Amino acid sequence: MKPGPLDGVVVLDLSRVLAGPYCTMILGDMGADVIKIEHPVGDETRRWGPPFASGESAYYLSVNRNKRSVTLDLDVEDDVELVRRIAARADVLVENFLPGALEKRGLALRDLRAANPRLITLSISGMGATGPESGTPGYDFIVQAASGLMSITGPADGEPHKLGVAVVDLTTGMMAANAILAALYAREKSGEGQHIDISLFETALSWLANVGQGWLMTGESPRRYGNAHPTIVPYQTFAAADANIAIGVGTDAQWQRLCRAIDRADLAADPRYATNPGRVQHRAELVGALEATFAQRTADEWGERIRAAGIPVSKVRTVDEALQDPQAAARDMIVAVQHPRIGELRLLSFPWKFSNTPAAIRRPPPLLGEHTDEVRVEYRA
């Protein structure tokens, strides 16, 4: 197996639950040696289920491959000393303890960086290290509410909704991994590590993108549009005769092609709908006309027609339909590994394909404490 792009990088993972472990899994997929420190009772997600397979939770299995699990009690000095020895040789340390928790145990990040000036440390918190809400614990769901994300998600005439997966945790993990890669690059030039402070709240605020920018420009509070788009029409789901389909018309040229594909020359010729601003202005009338049209054929029939016209379209699939799609198979998005307790274990793969230094799943998600003795020997005094 060829080495990955982060081959030789050692990551000390003091994080748990989702954002931190997702970050370190990304680094592990890229070839880093990730040493996951767990309390003897294990990462909380080991107990988040069902579903379980041979006692291992799907939640834990989803974000902890390519790691070595070491069980330590950070209230025991010998175990704390082992963490210090690993940190002295590591390149990256990721943690999501509450403020002051590591200092209380003699593991202040500034001291670890003083002992190893090349060490890059990254702290993940709910709300950030400074400000009136610093130190406030936060889960993804809470931050979706606090950031305004829930207020723009859900039916236009219904209650605010959270997204179906913990997207703030996951994107915080992605942002954290990006930041670490940048810090590793900066270290190549300066020879020095640095500290990175990242929070779920700030990640979620950055997610607001054009919606947040709209408020900055107008002062008008955004509203929910359900499965529609606030500034592009038609860009939403429609009910076909048997299922829902999602259609995205991003240009006026695409609009004309859509009208031809669905045999609605009258809509193409209507000056009210000629441009996107006009379609947004007359959203209700246009969407009503399109709803009546799409109800006349099946989702597959419409999909074939619309796709042939070069317009983005998809049936609204279930998770099992998406994971069994031939495109997912062609892109190797499900990979089977051998797990010491489960046997063959299928995992979701990674989205990037490197041509020269391929990412790989080299280790299955570890059993609790599976590598404790191994790492103790490697990092003995």
Protein backbone atom coordinates (compact mmCIF):
# COMPACT_ATOMS: atom_id res chain seq x y z
CA MET A 1 0.00 0.00 0.00
CA LYS A 2 1.40 3.40 -0.99
CA PRO A 3 1.89 5.93 1.83
CA GLY A 4 -0.72 8.65 2.17
CA PRO A 5 0.00 12.39 1.98
CA LEU A 6 0.31 12.65 5.79
CA ASP A 7 2.52 9.58 6.20
CA GLY A 8 4.85 10.15 9.17
CA VAL A 9 2.58 12.71 10.89
CA VAL A 10 1.65 11.72 14.45
CA VAL A 11 -1.70 12.96 15.78
CA LEU A 12 -2.50 12.80 19.48
CA ASP A 13 -6.28 12.68 19.67
CA LEU A 14 -7.72 13.78 23.02
CA SER A 15 -11.15 14.45 21.54
CA ARG A 16 -14.35 12.47 21.72
CA VAL A 17 -17.91 12.33 20.37
CA LEU A 18 -18.01 13.66 16.77
CA ALA A 19 -16.32 16.90 15.62
CA GLY A 20 -12.85 16.05 16.95
CA PRO A 21 -12.94 12.35 16.01
CA TYR A 22 -14.17 13.25 12.52
CA CYS A 23 -11.26 15.67 12.14
CA THR A 24 -8.70 13.10 13.25
CA MET A 25 -10.27 10.38 11.08
CA ILE A 26 -9.76 12.65 8.05
CA LEU A 27 -6.09 13.01 9.03
CA GLY A 28 -5.86 9.25 9.56
CA ASP A 29 -7.40 8.54 6.16
CA MET A 30 -4.66 10.74 4.69
CA GLY A 31 -1.99 8.58 6.31
CA ALA A 32 -1.37 10.09 9.75
CA ASP A 33 -0.75 7.85 12.76
CA VAL A 34 -3.66 8.80 15.04
CA ILE A 35 -3.35 7.80 18.70
CA LYS A 36 -6.81 8.07 20.26
CA ILE A 37 -6.75 8.52 24.03
CA GLU A 38 -9.90 7.23 25.70
CA HIS A 39 -11.04 7.10 29.30
CA PRO A 40 -11.31 3.48 30.45
CA VAL A 41 -15.09 3.67 29.93
CA GLY A 42 -14.51 4.77 26.34
CA ASP A 43 -15.66 7.51 23.98
CA GLU A 44 -19.27 8.46 24.68
CA THR A 45 -20.33 7.45 21.17
CA ARG A 46 -19.45 3.81 21.91
CA ARG A 47 -22.74 3.77 23.82
CA TRP A 48 -24.82 5.82 21.38
CA GLY A 49 -27.17 3.32 19.80
CA PRO A 50 -28.73 1.20 18.55
CA PRO A 51 -27.69 0.08 16.04
CA PHE A 52 -24.80 -2.01 17.40
CA ALA A 53 -22.72 -4.75 15.76
CA SER A 54 -21.13 -7.17 18.23
CA GLY A 55 -21.37 -4.45 20.86
CA GLU A 56 -19.83 -1.73 18.67
CA SER A 57 -22.10 1.26 17.90
CA ALA A 58 -22.61 2.49 14.35
CA TYR A 59 -22.00 6.02 15.64
CA TYR A 60 -18.53 5.16 16.96
CA LEU A 61 -17.63 3.03 13.95
CA SER A 62 -18.49 5.85 11.55
CA VAL A 63 -15.73 8.25 12.66
CA ASN A 64 -12.93 6.27 14.29
CA ARG A 65 -11.16 4.16 11.68
CA ASN A 66 -7.42 4.57 11.05
CA LYS A 67 -6.74 5.12 14.76
CA ARG A 68 -5.09 3.32 17.64
CA SER A 69 -7.09 3.27 20.88
CA VAL A 70 -5.24 3.78 24.15
CA THR A 71 -7.16 3.78 27.45
CA LEU A 72 -5.78 6.16 30.05
CA ASP A 73 -7.10 7.78 33.21
CA LEU A 74 -6.00 11.40 33.13
CA ASP A 75 -6.46 11.61 36.89
CA VAL A 76 -3.55 9.16 37.28
CA GLU A 77 -0.10 10.75 37.07
CA ASP A 78 1.56 7.84 35.24
CA ASP A 79 -1.09 8.03 32.53
CA VAL A 80 -0.73 11.82 32.27
CA GLU A 81 3.01 11.39 31.91
CA LEU A 82 2.47 9.03 28.97
CA VAL A 83 0.35 11.71 27.28
CA ARG A 84 3.20 14.19 27.80
CA ARG A 85 5.67 11.76 26.22
CA ILE A 86 3.43 11.25 23.18
CA ALA A 87 2.90 15.01 22.85
CA ALA A 88 6.66 15.56 22.95
CA ARG A 89 7.00 13.51 19.75
CA ALA A 90 3.68 14.30 18.09
CA ASP A 91 3.00 16.75 15.28
CA VAL A 92 -0.64 17.52 16.10
CA LEU A 93 -2.82 17.43 19.22
CA VAL A 94 -6.62 17.72 18.98
CA GLU A 95 -8.80 18.17 22.09
CA ASN A 96 -12.30 19.22 23.07
CA PHE A 97 -12.16 19.32 26.87
CA LEU A 98 -13.96 22.07 28.75
CA PRO A 99 -11.74 25.09 29.50
CA GLY A 100 -9.35 24.43 32.36
CA ALA A 101 -9.80 20.64 32.34
CA LEU A 102 -6.41 19.88 30.76
CA GLU A 103 -4.61 22.50 32.88
CA LYS A 104 -6.07 20.88 36.00
CA ARG A 105 -4.45 17.60 34.97
CA GLY A 106 -1.05 19.11 34.20
CA LEU A 107 -1.58 19.06 30.44
CA ALA A 108 -1.78 22.78 29.61
CA LEU A 109 -1.38 23.13 25.86
CA ARG A 110 1.08 26.00 26.23
CA ASP A 111 3.34 23.75 28.32
CA LEU A 112 3.11 20.93 25.79
CA ARG A 113 4.06 23.33 22.99
CA ALA A 114 6.91 24.73 25.07
CA ALA A 115 8.28 21.21 25.40
CA ASN A 116 7.71 20.55 21.69
CA PRO A 117 7.80 23.83 19.74
CA ARG A 118 6.80 22.03 16.52
CA LEU A 119 3.55 20.79 18.05
CA ILE A 120 0.31 22.07 16.51
CA THR A 121 -2.57 22.09 19.00
CA LEU A 122 -6.23 22.49 18.14
CA SER A 123 -9.08 23.04 20.58
CA ILE A 124 -12.72 22.48 19.62
CA SER A 125 -15.43 24.04 21.75
CA GLY A 126 -19.11 24.79 21.50
CA MET A 127 -18.90 28.59 21.48
CA GLY A 128 -15.21 29.53 21.28
CA ALA A 129 -12.41 30.31 23.73
CA THR A 130 -13.38 33.95 24.24
CA GLY A 131 -16.56 35.99 24.55
CA PRO A 132 -19.47 36.00 27.01
CA GLU A 133 -20.47 32.40 26.17
CA SER A 134 -16.99 30.88 26.17
CA GLY A 135 -16.89 27.71 28.20
CA THR A 136 -20.54 26.95 27.51
CA PRO A 137 -20.91 23.29 26.51
CA GLY A 138 -22.71 22.68 23.26
CA TYR A 139 -23.89 19.83 21.10
CA ASP A 140 -24.53 20.07 17.36
CA PHE A 141 -28.30 20.29 17.87
CA ILE A 142 -27.97 23.18 20.32
CA VAL A 143 -25.66 25.09 17.99
CA GLN A 144 -27.98 24.55 15.05
CA ALA A 145 -30.56 26.40 17.15
CA ALA A 146 -28.15 29.06 18.46
CA SER A 147 -26.67 29.90 15.05
CA GLY A 148 -29.92 30.57 13.21
CA LEU A 149 -29.46 27.50 11.03
CA MET A 150 -32.65 25.85 12.30
CA SER A 151 -34.65 29.02 11.63
CA ILE A 152 -34.06 28.66 7.88
CA THR A 153 -34.55 24.87 7.77
CA GLY A 154 -37.89 23.12 7.54
CA PRO A 155 -41.29 23.70 5.93
CA ALA A 156 -42.13 27.28 5.04
CA ASP A 157 -45.32 27.09 7.09
CA GLY A 158 -44.06 24.74 9.80
CA GLU A 159 -41.63 24.60 12.71
CA PRO A 160 -37.85 25.07 12.45
CA HIS A 161 -36.02 21.79 11.82
CA LYS A 162 -32.55 20.49 12.47
CA LEU A 163 -30.75 18.76 9.62
CA GLY A 164 -30.84 14.97 9.47
CA VAL A 165 -27.19 14.48 10.42
CA ALA A 166 -24.98 16.44 12.82
CA VAL A 167 -23.74 18.76 10.11
CA VAL A 168 -22.25 21.37 12.45
CA ASP A 169 -20.12 18.74 14.18
CA LEU A 170 -19.08 17.24 10.85
CA THR A 171 -18.24 20.54 9.18
CA THR A 172 -16.39 21.70 12.29
CA GLY A 173 -14.32 18.54 11.93
CA MET A 174 -13.68 19.35 8.28
CA MET A 175 -12.75 22.96 9.10
CA ALA A 176 -10.45 21.70 11.86
CA ALA A 177 -8.70 19.29 9.49
CA ASN A 178 -8.26 22.11 6.94
CA ALA A 179 -6.78 24.36 9.61
CA ILE A 180 -4.36 21.65 10.71
CA LEU A 181 -3.19 21.07 7.14
CA ALA A 182 -2.55 24.83 6.80
CA ALA A 183 -0.63 24.87 10.09
CA LEU A 184 1.50 21.92 8.96
CA TYR A 185 2.31 23.84 5.77
CA ALA A 186 3.14 26.99 7.76
CA ARG A 187 5.41 24.91 10.01
CA GLU A 188 7.39 23.80 6.97
CA LYS A 189 8.37 27.45 6.48
CA SER A 190 8.69 28.62 10.11
CA GLY A 191 9.71 25.44 11.90
CA GLU A 192 7.18 26.24 14.61
CA GLY A 193 3.79 24.90 15.56
CA GLN A 194 0.88 27.02 16.73
CA HIS A 195 -2.48 26.84 18.48
CA ILE A 196 -5.82 26.76 16.63
CA ASP A 197 -9.11 27.69 18.30
CA ILE A 198 -12.28 26.54 16.51
CA SER A 199 -15.89 26.32 17.64
CA LEU A 200 -19.13 24.77 16.49
CA PHE A 201 -20.85 28.17 16.76
CA GLU A 202 -18.47 29.96 14.41
CA THR A 203 -18.55 27.09 11.95
CA ALA A 204 -22.35 27.25 11.88
CA LEU A 205 -22.32 31.03 11.41
CA SER A 206 -19.96 30.64 8.46
CA TRP A 207 -22.44 28.13 7.03
CA LEU A 208 -25.04 30.91 6.67
CA ALA A 209 -23.15 32.11 3.57
CA ASN A 210 -25.47 33.92 1.14
CA VAL A 211 -28.36 33.89 3.63
CA GLY A 212 -26.25 35.62 6.26
CA GLN A 213 -24.87 38.01 3.66
CA GLY A 214 -28.41 38.87 2.66
CA TRP A 215 -29.21 39.93 6.22
CA LEU A 216 -25.99 41.98 6.42
CA MET A 217 -27.06 43.85 3.29
CA THR A 218 -30.78 44.31 3.94
CA GLY A 219 -31.41 43.79 7.65
CA GLU A 220 -34.36 41.58 6.71
CA SER A 221 -34.58 38.36 8.70
CA PRO A 222 -34.48 35.32 6.36
CA ARG A 223 -37.42 32.96 6.36
CA ARG A 224 -37.81 29.26 5.65
CA TYR A 225 -38.54 28.07 2.14
CA GLY A 226 -38.82 24.36 2.80
CA ASN A 227 -37.24 22.56 -0.16
CA ALA A 228 -37.26 25.70 -2.32
CA HIS A 229 -34.49 28.26 -2.78
CA PRO A 230 -34.88 31.85 -1.58
CA THR A 231 -33.30 33.44 -4.67
CA ILE A 232 -33.51 30.86 -7.49
CA VAL A 233 -36.71 29.55 -9.13
CA PRO A 234 -37.37 26.75 -9.90
CA TYR A 235 -34.88 25.16 -7.55
CA GLN A 236 -36.85 22.78 -5.34
CA THR A 237 -38.66 19.48 -5.06
CA PHE A 238 -41.84 18.64 -6.92
CA ALA A 239 -44.24 15.74 -6.46
CA ALA A 240 -44.25 13.51 -9.53
CA ALA A 241 -46.91 10.84 -9.99
CA ASP A 242 -45.07 8.33 -7.78
CA ALA A 243 -42.28 10.13 -5.89
CA ASN A 244 -40.64 13.48 -5.31
CA ILE A 245 -37.98 14.88 -7.64
CA ALA A 246 -35.48 17.68 -7.08
CA ILE A 247 -34.86 20.09 -9.95
CA GLY A 248 -32.26 22.84 -10.05
CA VAL A 249 -32.54 25.52 -12.72
CA GLY A 250 -29.56 27.82 -12.25
CA THR A 251 -29.63 29.83 -15.50
CA ASP A 252 -32.16 31.34 -17.85
CA ALA A 253 -30.87 29.05 -20.62
CA GLN A 254 -31.59 26.05 -18.42
CA TRP A 255 -35.08 27.40 -17.83
CA GLN A 256 -35.77 27.42 -21.55
CA ARG A 257 -34.46 23.86 -21.90
CA LEU A 258 -36.60 22.70 -18.97
CA CYS A 259 -39.72 24.12 -20.57
CA ARG A 260 -38.98 22.24 -23.79
CA ALA A 261 -38.25 19.01 -21.87
CA ILE A 262 -41.61 19.13 -20.06
CA ASP A 263 -43.62 20.34 -23.08
CA ARG A 264 -44.45 23.74 -21.56
CA ALA A 265 -43.66 26.14 -24.41
CA ASP A 266 -46.24 28.50 -22.92
CA LEU A 267 -44.13 28.97 -19.80
CA ALA A 268 -40.99 29.52 -21.89
CA ALA A 269 -42.76 32.27 -23.84
CA ASP A 270 -44.24 34.03 -20.81
CA PRO A 271 -42.23 37.26 -20.25
CA ARG A 272 -42.86 37.07 -16.49
CA TYR A 273 -40.64 34.01 -16.30
CA ALA A 274 -37.93 34.92 -18.82
CA THR A 275 -35.36 35.84 -16.16
CA ASN A 276 -34.64 34.47 -12.72
CA PRO A 277 -35.62 37.71 -10.92
CA GLY A 278 -38.96 37.50 -12.71
CA ARG A 279 -39.41 33.87 -11.75
CA VAL A 280 -38.64 34.73 -8.12
CA GLN A 281 -41.13 37.60 -8.23
CA HIS A 282 -43.84 35.34 -9.65
CA ARG A 283 -42.83 32.25 -7.70
CA ALA A 284 -46.32 31.24 -6.56
CA GLU A 285 -47.93 31.25 -10.00
CA LEU A 286 -45.01 29.52 -11.69
CA VAL A 287 -44.57 26.83 -9.06
CA GLY A 288 -48.30 26.11 -9.19
CA ALA A 289 -48.11 25.57 -12.96
CA LEU A 290 -45.07 23.32 -12.62
CA GLU A 291 -46.66 21.28 -9.85
CA ALA A 292 -49.61 20.48 -12.07
CA THR A 293 -47.28 19.41 -14.88
CA PHE A 294 -44.96 17.21 -12.80
CA ALA A 295 -47.87 15.35 -11.24
CA GLN A 296 -48.65 13.84 -14.67
CA ARG A 297 -45.63 11.52 -15.00
CA THR A 298 -43.40 9.39 -12.79
CA ALA A 299 -40.17 10.64 -11.25
CA ASP A 300 -38.12 8.35 -13.50
CA GLU A 301 -39.88 9.58 -16.64
CA TRP A 302 -39.31 13.21 -15.74
CA GLY A 303 -35.76 12.50 -14.65
CA GLU A 304 -34.87 10.96 -18.00
CA ARG A 305 -36.33 13.88 -19.93
CA ILE A 306 -34.82 16.60 -17.76
CA ARG A 307 -31.41 14.96 -17.50
CA ALA A 308 -31.29 14.65 -21.28
CA ALA A 309 -31.79 18.43 -21.44
CA GLY A 310 -28.64 18.94 -19.35
CA ILE A 311 -30.44 20.13 -16.22
CA PRO A 312 -29.53 18.88 -12.72
CA VAL A 313 -32.30 16.56 -11.48
CA SER A 314 -32.71 13.63 -9.12
CA LYS A 315 -35.41 11.55 -7.58
CA VAL A 316 -35.46 12.19 -3.83
CA ARG A 317 -33.83 8.97 -2.73
CA THR A 318 -33.77 7.16 0.57
CA VAL A 319 -30.40 6.51 2.21
CA ASP A 320 -30.39 2.87 1.10
CA GLU A 321 -31.13 3.91 -2.49
CA ALA A 322 -28.28 6.42 -2.47
CA LEU A 323 -25.74 4.01 -1.00
CA GLN A 324 -26.69 1.31 -3.53
CA ASP A 325 -26.44 3.67 -6.48
CA PRO A 326 -24.00 2.48 -9.20
CA GLN A 327 -22.22 5.84 -9.06
CA ALA A 328 -21.41 5.29 -5.37
CA ALA A 329 -19.98 1.89 -6.25
CA ALA A 330 -17.99 3.30 -9.17
CA ARG A 331 -16.42 5.86 -6.84
CA ASP A 332 -15.60 3.26 -4.15
CA MET A 333 -17.68 5.06 -1.56
CA ILE A 334 -18.29 1.87 0.44
CA VAL A 335 -15.25 -0.08 1.57
CA ALA A 336 -15.13 -3.40 3.44
CA VAL A 337 -12.55 -3.95 6.19
CA GLN A 338 -11.93 -6.77 8.64
CA HIS A 339 -12.87 -5.88 12.21
CA PRO A 340 -11.50 -7.98 15.10
CA ARG A 341 -14.93 -8.48 16.64
CA ILE A 342 -17.46 -7.90 13.85
CA GLY A 343 -15.66 -9.59 10.96
CA GLU A 344 -16.35 -7.93 7.62
CA LEU A 345 -17.40 -4.36 8.29
CA ARG A 346 -18.58 -2.02 5.55
CA LEU A 347 -17.70 1.65 6.01
CA LEU A 348 -18.40 4.84 4.13
CA SER A 349 -15.24 5.86 2.32
CA PHE A 350 -13.56 9.24 1.80
CA PRO A 351 -14.42 11.71 -0.99
CA TRP A 352 -10.92 12.65 -2.20
CA LYS A 353 -8.89 10.62 -4.65
CA PHE A 354 -5.15 11.41 -4.65
CA SER A 355 -3.23 10.34 -7.77
CA ASN A 356 0.19 9.83 -6.14
CA THR A 357 -0.36 9.53 -2.37
CA PRO A 358 -3.69 7.75 -2.01
CA ALA A 359 -5.79 7.91 1.10
CA ALA A 360 -6.67 4.50 2.50
CA ILE A 361 -8.46 2.71 5.30
CA ARG A 362 -5.51 0.93 6.87
CA ARG A 363 -7.08 0.15 10.25
CA PRO A 364 -10.67 -0.67 11.25
CA PRO A 365 -12.21 1.34 14.09
CA PRO A 366 -10.31 0.08 17.15
CA LEU A 367 -11.65 -1.84 20.10
CA LEU A 368 -11.54 0.08 23.37
CA GLY A 369 -7.92 0.11 24.54
CA GLU A 370 -6.84 -2.24 21.75
CA HIS A 371 -3.45 -0.55 21.34
CA THR A 372 -2.70 0.53 24.92
CA ASP A 373 0.21 -1.87 25.48
CA GLU A 374 1.62 -1.24 22.02
CA VAL A 375 1.72 2.52 22.50
CA ARG A 376 3.08 2.26 26.06
CA VAL A 377 6.05 0.33 24.69
CA GLU A 378 6.58 2.81 21.82
CA TYR A 379 6.50 5.84 24.12
CA ARG A 380 8.09 4.46 27.25
CA ALA A 381 10.43 6.74 29.16
